[in-house]
Protein backbone atom coordinates (compact mmCIF):
# COMPACT_ATOMS: atom_id res chain seq x y z
CA MET A 1 -21.65 10.35 -3.86
CA LYS A 2 -21.87 6.65 -3.30
CA VAL A 3 -19.89 3.42 -3.45
CA VAL A 4 -20.35 1.74 -6.85
CA GLN A 5 -17.69 -1.00 -6.71
CA LEU A 6 -15.94 -3.03 -4.03
CA ASN A 7 -13.12 -5.39 -4.95
CA ILE A 8 -10.75 -7.70 -3.13
CA TYR A 9 -7.65 -9.38 -4.49
CA PRO A 10 -7.03 -12.36 -2.17
CA VAL A 11 -3.85 -13.17 -4.10
CA LYS A 12 -1.69 -10.24 -5.12
CA SER A 13 -1.80 -9.81 -8.94
CA LEU A 14 -4.34 -12.55 -9.64
CA LYS A 15 -7.94 -11.76 -10.62
CA SER A 16 -10.19 -9.76 -8.34
CA ILE A 17 -13.39 -10.78 -6.59
CA SER A 18 -16.17 -8.22 -6.92
CA LEU A 19 -18.26 -7.76 -3.77
CA GLN A 20 -21.63 -6.30 -2.90
CA GLN A 21 -20.43 -5.80 0.66
CA GLY A 22 -17.27 -6.37 2.63
CA GLU A 23 -15.89 -6.26 6.16
CA LEU A 24 -13.60 -3.31 6.87
CA LEU A 25 -10.38 -4.12 8.70
CA SER A 26 -7.48 -1.78 9.41
CA THR A 27 -5.38 -3.93 7.06
CA GLY A 28 -7.90 -3.65 4.18
CA LEU A 29 -11.10 -5.36 3.15
CA ALA A 30 -11.35 -8.85 4.65
CA TRP A 31 -9.20 -11.39 2.74
CA ASP A 32 -7.55 -8.73 0.58
CA ARG A 33 -3.93 -9.55 -0.39
CA ARG A 34 -3.62 -12.31 2.17
CA TRP A 35 -1.57 -14.35 -0.33
CA MET A 36 1.06 -13.61 -2.94
CA LEU A 37 3.43 -15.43 -5.25
CA VAL A 38 7.18 -15.43 -4.70
CA ASP A 39 10.12 -16.60 -6.79
CA THR A 40 12.99 -18.81 -5.68
CA GLN A 41 14.57 -15.78 -3.98
CA GLN A 42 11.36 -15.33 -1.92
CA ARG A 43 10.67 -12.03 -3.67
CA PHE A 44 7.15 -11.09 -4.78
CA VAL A 45 6.07 -11.74 -8.38
CA THR A 46 3.29 -9.72 -10.03
CA GLN A 47 1.86 -8.92 -13.44
CA ARG A 48 4.81 -6.57 -13.88
CA GLN A 49 6.95 -9.64 -14.53
CA LEU A 50 4.23 -12.10 -15.53
CA PRO A 51 1.10 -10.56 -17.15
CA ALA A 52 -0.43 -14.05 -17.52
CA LEU A 53 -1.24 -13.98 -13.79
CA ALA A 54 -4.28 -11.91 -14.81
CA THR A 55 -5.81 -15.07 -16.30
CA VAL A 56 -5.97 -16.98 -13.00
CA GLU A 57 -9.43 -16.68 -11.44
CA VAL A 58 -9.85 -16.67 -7.69
CA ALA A 59 -12.85 -17.60 -5.54
CA LEU A 60 -13.42 -17.92 -1.80
CA THR A 61 -15.69 -20.57 -0.34
CA THR A 62 -16.45 -21.08 3.35
CA ASP A 63 -13.35 -23.23 3.73
CA ALA A 64 -11.10 -22.78 0.69
CA LEU A 65 -9.37 -20.45 -1.73
CA VAL A 66 -10.00 -21.79 -5.23
CA PHE A 67 -7.92 -21.17 -8.35
CA SER A 68 -9.39 -21.67 -11.82
CA HIS A 69 -7.88 -21.45 -15.30
CA PRO A 70 -9.19 -22.54 -18.71
CA SER A 71 -6.34 -24.99 -19.30
CA VAL A 72 -6.50 -27.05 -16.07
CA ALA A 73 -8.95 -28.30 -13.45
CA PRO A 74 -9.46 -25.99 -10.44
CA ILE A 75 -7.43 -26.40 -7.27
CA SER A 76 -8.59 -25.67 -3.70
CA ILE A 77 -6.33 -24.34 -0.98
CA PRO A 78 -7.77 -24.82 2.54
CA LEU A 79 -8.35 -21.62 4.49
CA GLU A 80 -7.15 -23.39 7.61
CA GLU A 81 -3.68 -22.09 8.40
CA PRO A 82 -0.97 -24.34 6.95
CA GLN A 83 1.52 -26.27 9.05
CA GLY A 84 5.26 -25.89 8.76
CA ASN A 85 7.91 -23.26 9.16
CA LEU A 86 7.37 -19.60 8.46
CA ARG A 87 9.42 -17.99 5.70
CA ILE A 88 10.71 -14.47 5.29
CA VAL A 89 9.39 -13.10 1.99
CA GLN A 90 9.89 -9.74 0.33
CA VAL A 91 7.35 -7.29 -1.09
CA TRP A 92 9.09 -4.15 -2.32
CA GLU A 93 11.56 -3.35 0.46
CA ASP A 94 9.54 -4.96 3.25
CA HIS A 95 10.40 -8.36 4.66
CA CYS A 96 7.34 -10.24 5.95
CA LYS A 97 6.67 -13.54 7.66
CA ALA A 98 4.57 -15.96 5.63
CA TRP A 99 3.58 -19.60 5.36
CA PRO A 100 4.28 -21.44 2.11
CA GLU A 101 1.31 -23.28 0.66
CA SER A 102 1.68 -26.81 -0.68
CA GLU A 103 3.89 -27.70 -3.62
CA ALA A 104 0.74 -28.87 -5.39
CA VAL A 105 -0.18 -25.21 -5.90
CA SER A 106 3.20 -24.54 -7.52
CA ARG A 107 2.70 -27.49 -9.88
CA TRP A 108 -0.81 -26.25 -10.70
CA LEU A 109 0.49 -22.79 -11.59
CA GLU A 110 3.10 -24.28 -13.91
CA ASP A 111 0.47 -26.49 -15.56
CA ALA A 112 -1.83 -23.49 -16.02
CA LEU A 113 0.71 -20.88 -17.14
CA GLY A 114 3.56 -22.94 -18.52
CA GLU A 115 7.31 -22.65 -18.12
CA GLN A 116 7.09 -18.96 -17.17
CA ALA A 117 5.52 -19.97 -13.84
CA LYS A 118 8.26 -22.44 -12.92
CA GLY A 119 9.67 -21.80 -9.46
CA LEU A 120 6.69 -19.85 -8.12
CA THR A 121 5.41 -20.52 -4.60
CA LEU A 122 2.15 -19.31 -3.09
CA VAL A 123 2.66 -17.86 0.38
CA ARG A 124 0.14 -16.71 3.00
CA PHE A 125 0.64 -13.68 5.24
CA ALA A 126 1.25 -14.74 8.83
CA PRO A 127 -1.41 -13.03 11.00
CA GLN A 128 0.93 -12.69 13.98
CA PHE A 129 3.19 -10.48 11.83
CA LYS A 130 2.51 -6.75 11.33
CA ARG A 131 3.59 -4.93 8.20
CA SER A 132 3.64 -1.19 8.78
CA VAL A 133 2.53 1.38 6.22
CA GLU A 134 5.23 3.94 5.42
CA ALA A 135 5.21 6.65 8.09
CA ASP A 136 5.79 9.63 5.76
CA PHE A 137 2.11 10.32 5.06
CA LEU A 138 0.51 9.11 8.31
CA GLU A 139 0.89 12.36 10.28
CA GLY A 140 2.20 10.53 13.32
CA GLU A 141 -0.42 7.78 13.19
CA GLU A 142 0.13 4.05 12.57
CA ALA A 143 -1.36 1.75 9.95
CA HIS A 144 -0.75 -1.79 8.77
CA THR A 145 -1.39 -3.81 5.65
CA HIS A 146 -0.83 -7.29 4.25
CA PHE A 147 0.70 -7.89 0.78
CA SER A 148 -0.69 -4.76 -0.91
CA ASP A 149 1.85 -2.50 -2.61
CA GLY A 150 1.86 -0.28 0.45
CA TYR A 151 -1.55 0.80 1.74
CA PRO A 152 -4.63 -1.15 2.87
CA PHE A 153 -7.11 0.63 0.54
CA LEU A 154 -7.08 2.21 -2.92
CA VAL A 155 -9.90 4.64 -3.71
CA THR A 156 -10.75 5.65 -7.28
CA SER A 157 -13.66 7.52 -8.86
CA THR A 158 -15.84 7.19 -11.94
CA GLY A 159 -15.32 10.88 -12.76
CA SER A 160 -11.56 10.42 -13.04
CA LEU A 161 -11.92 7.32 -15.21
CA GLN A 162 -14.25 9.23 -17.54
CA ALA A 163 -11.74 12.09 -17.83
CA LEU A 164 -8.93 9.66 -18.59
CA ASN A 165 -10.99 7.82 -21.20
CA ASP A 166 -12.01 11.09 -22.83
CA ALA A 167 -8.31 11.95 -23.17
CA LEU A 168 -7.45 8.48 -24.47
CA GLU A 169 -10.15 8.61 -27.15
CA LYS A 170 -9.13 12.14 -28.13
CA SER A 171 -5.60 10.85 -28.83
CA GLY A 172 -6.90 7.86 -30.82
CA SER A 173 -6.41 5.24 -28.10
CA GLN A 174 -8.96 2.81 -26.69
CA PRO A 175 -10.73 3.58 -23.40
CA VAL A 176 -9.85 1.36 -20.43
CA PRO A 177 -12.08 -0.19 -17.75
CA MET A 178 -11.66 0.52 -14.05
CA ASP A 179 -10.16 -2.92 -13.43
CA ARG A 180 -6.88 -1.74 -14.99
CA PHE A 181 -6.31 0.18 -11.74
CA ARG A 182 -7.23 -2.63 -9.34
CA PRO A 183 -9.07 -0.43 -6.80
CA SER A 184 -10.57 -1.50 -3.49
CA ILE A 185 -13.34 1.10 -3.50
CA VAL A 186 -14.80 2.95 -6.49
CA VAL A 187 -16.79 6.11 -5.78
CA GLU A 188 -19.36 7.54 -8.18
CA THR A 189 -18.53 11.20 -8.89
CA ASN A 190 -19.29 13.69 -11.64
CA GLU A 191 -16.05 15.59 -11.08
CA ALA A 192 -12.70 14.37 -12.39
CA TRP A 193 -9.81 14.01 -9.92
CA ALA A 194 -12.02 15.05 -7.00
CA GLU A 195 -10.45 12.32 -4.85
CA ASP A 196 -7.10 14.10 -5.08
CA ARG A 197 -8.57 16.90 -2.95
CA TRP A 198 -10.27 14.72 -0.34
CA LYS A 199 -8.75 14.44 3.11
CA THR A 200 -11.36 12.05 4.46
CA LEU A 201 -14.18 9.98 3.00
CA GLN A 202 -16.88 8.76 5.34
CA ALA A 203 -20.18 6.96 5.32
CA GLU A 204 -23.09 9.35 5.43
CA ASN A 205 -24.46 7.30 8.36
CA GLY A 206 -21.15 7.67 10.22
CA GLY A 207 -20.28 3.97 10.12
CA PHE A 208 -16.75 4.32 8.77
CA THR A 209 -14.16 6.92 7.79
CA PHE A 210 -11.16 6.65 5.49
CA THR A 211 -8.21 9.04 5.44
CA LEU A 212 -6.75 9.54 1.97
CA ARG A 213 -3.00 9.57 2.39
CA LYS A 214 -1.12 9.58 -0.86
CA PRO A 215 -1.76 9.70 -4.63
CA CYS A 216 -1.20 6.34 -6.29
CA LYS A 217 1.60 6.29 -8.84
CA ARG A 218 0.71 3.86 -11.59
CA CYS A 219 2.88 1.20 -13.21
CA LYS A 220 2.76 -0.95 -16.33
CA ILE A 221 0.11 -3.26 -14.85
CA THR A 222 -2.35 -0.62 -16.08
CA THR A 223 -1.42 -1.64 -19.64
CA VAL A 224 -2.44 -5.28 -19.03
CA ASP A 225 -5.96 -6.36 -20.03
CA GLN A 226 -7.24 -7.88 -16.78
CA GLN A 227 -9.40 -10.42 -18.62
CA THR A 228 -6.96 -11.72 -21.23
CA ALA A 229 -3.50 -10.58 -20.03
CA GLU A 230 -2.93 -8.98 -23.44
CA VAL A 231 -1.01 -5.71 -23.75
CA ARG A 232 -2.53 -4.10 -26.83
CA GLU A 233 -1.13 -0.59 -26.34
CA PRO A 234 2.11 -0.90 -24.33
CA ALA A 235 2.29 2.83 -23.55
CA GLU A 236 -1.34 3.36 -22.54
CA PRO A 237 -2.94 4.50 -20.34
CA LEU A 238 0.32 5.53 -18.63
CA LYS A 239 1.38 7.90 -21.41
CA THR A 240 -1.92 9.77 -21.22
CA LEU A 241 -1.93 9.86 -17.41
CA ILE A 242 1.53 11.42 -17.45
CA ALA A 243 0.41 14.00 -20.00
CA LEU A 244 -2.66 14.89 -17.90
CA LYS A 245 -0.39 15.89 -14.97
CA THR A 246 -3.00 15.09 -12.36
CA GLN A 247 -0.23 15.60 -9.78
CA PRO A 248 1.71 18.56 -11.21
CA ALA A 249 4.38 18.51 -8.51
CA LEU A 250 5.19 14.82 -9.01
CA LYS A 251 6.79 12.85 -11.83
CA GLY A 252 4.86 9.98 -13.40
CA GLY A 253 1.22 9.07 -13.95
CA TYR A 254 -1.21 9.03 -11.03
CA PHE A 255 -4.69 7.61 -10.62
CA GLY A 256 -6.55 7.14 -7.33
CA GLN A 257 -5.63 7.68 -3.71
CA ASN A 258 -4.08 5.31 -1.19
CA ALA A 259 -6.08 5.29 2.03
CA THR A 260 -6.19 3.98 5.58
CA LEU A 261 -9.18 3.23 7.81
CA GLN A 262 -9.58 5.97 10.40
CA MET A 263 -12.75 4.60 12.00
CA GLY A 264 -15.02 1.61 11.51
CA GLU A 265 -12.92 -1.51 12.22
CA GLY A 266 -15.19 -4.53 11.77
CA SER A 267 -18.01 -2.59 10.15
CA THR A 268 -19.54 -3.41 6.76
CA ILE A 269 -19.18 -1.31 3.62
CA ARG A 270 -21.74 -1.89 0.87
CA VAL A 271 -22.20 -1.00 -2.76
CA GLY A 272 -24.70 1.85 -2.70
CA ASP A 273 -23.47 3.37 0.58
CA ALA A 274 -23.79 7.16 0.51
CA LEU A 275 -20.51 8.98 1.16
CA VAL A 276 -19.40 12.40 2.34
CA ALA A 277 -15.97 13.84 1.53
CA VAL A 278 -14.04 16.49 3.45
CA ASN A 279 -11.50 18.36 1.33
CA ARG A 280 -7.93 19.11 2.34
CA GLU A 281 -7.17 22.63 3.44
CA SER A 282 -5.91 24.78 0.56
């Protein structure tokens, strides 16, 4: 097995950045989900409410986060930490400390996306704040993340995507690309759903180890085309995932595994890295 994709999402629910290599931190790949958008109630906003967020491209330079969109000129947000008062913002049930970025970013989003983006503010996770991962699946350990849905890493496999697409095509639906699932790390496998049996996933050279904690329950973002923001088949691929019952004891559709970094803080993960999996005990 080997790593075939690495992705970061500097801003929650905006476009990804594909990497050839990335720095592993306990909170996720470097720069992953360091920003997110909030509404006037300081609650997170994603493609669940606003699919058009998928059309905003993101880039990182040595000193700026850059947003691009076909309808407006790009805007740069300095990587230097902003000045001003911290806010309390909400992602799911967690309340986090964050800095608001300039109002110019809010105006840019409204210009790019129209009235539906009115009232949005870009906020940056405050590094002095720690957001804990839910304790239920950590076996007494601790882990932290930034603005991800709940875990610092999401691991998926090519074998599982192939099995899902085979089922979609069999039912007359269109296959979907891996970006529908917004993974951090994609592993090349021949076997479908193999990741659901892995307890740990480590570099063959011993440089890092992930612990796979919890199957990832999927939401309607999987129905959003990550290039165009179109929703061509509102029920898919969720309907097919539910029918496949990849997690028979759980309700809903599941794809991929949420993971934490067990060993390798500060090390580099690369596309092409050979991997070794250890299965859970039966």
